[in-house]
């Protein structure tokens, strides 16, 4: 048995769902909500209304390291010693040590500019964000979870499914006995999650190919017998396969748009981005760029396009057009056919 706890956030995403799974006389909390006094008070009130205290929470399981989901974990850990569980690949996002996040931020700006995004928007510093840093919510991870791990508490049993895509360490928790899947931002009815780009080894070359990873994670979840999806936002729902199929149709349309762009010749991922209304909307640019780069990553993995860097800029060409060009110039394909 579980309870859904709807907690408000100060972010445009709106309300976040935390889920309390009954565990003997206590609870296991899946996601914790944002680090605001309003959310903290509502969480405490919810627990009290069901006969629980914060000390009755045996563990906090985080689906990923974004503040709307993980923000209150540090309060529970600091005040009540509640252990925090999350995938190890979320450590850079959750750790109070921000050095790796600073490196990743610089690399992300560089990557987006290489793919054609305007530098003036990418590097715009929003004074509202600059003057209101939010860092105190971050927390250490007490138990790094692994894919396939079976988490056993008093009587709650949850399987760990590593589902990279939205983040590198995005994780779902599966209660096999009831067929309940807690998905965080991995699967939300009617929503297209953003495939964030990360740099786990601190280099541009080692960036995550998040949309291909997300597609593989969706296939992994699709194979499960799921009776109920408990997402990080919006309502719980059944028929997870129908929702996953909707996402695949959406991504197929994006790939077709990217291929049509290559039909016109050499192009960049920014060519798929709709007009952005100035620097104040830079986060919209980032989200569109994540998906646009992701479409080309999918096409490149399938052998439909080639990527090349020219003058510090990344361009894509359709494989068939690239083949014609190489043959015309006596490139690799002609050499392979006729010998060295």
Foldseek 3Di string as FASTA:
>chain_A
DKDWQWFADPDPQGTWTWMWDDFPPATAIEFQAAQDPRRVVSVQVVQVVVPHGLLRHQAYEYQAQDRRGQQCVVVSCVPNVHAYEFAPQRCCSQPLPPPQVVLFLVLLLLQLVLLPDDNCQSPDDDVVPVVDDDRVRGDDHPHHDDQQDWDADRHQIWHWHQQFALHNGRIWIARQVQLEIEGEQLFDAPDQRFRDWGQSVSDNVRIDLRLVSSLVSLVVVLPGRHAWYHYGDDDIDGDRVVRSVVNVVVLVVLLVVVQVVLVVPKHGLCVVQDDDPDNVRSVSVNRSSSSSSSSVSVCVVVVQWDWDRDPSHIIIHGNVVVVVVCVVVVHDVVCVVVDD
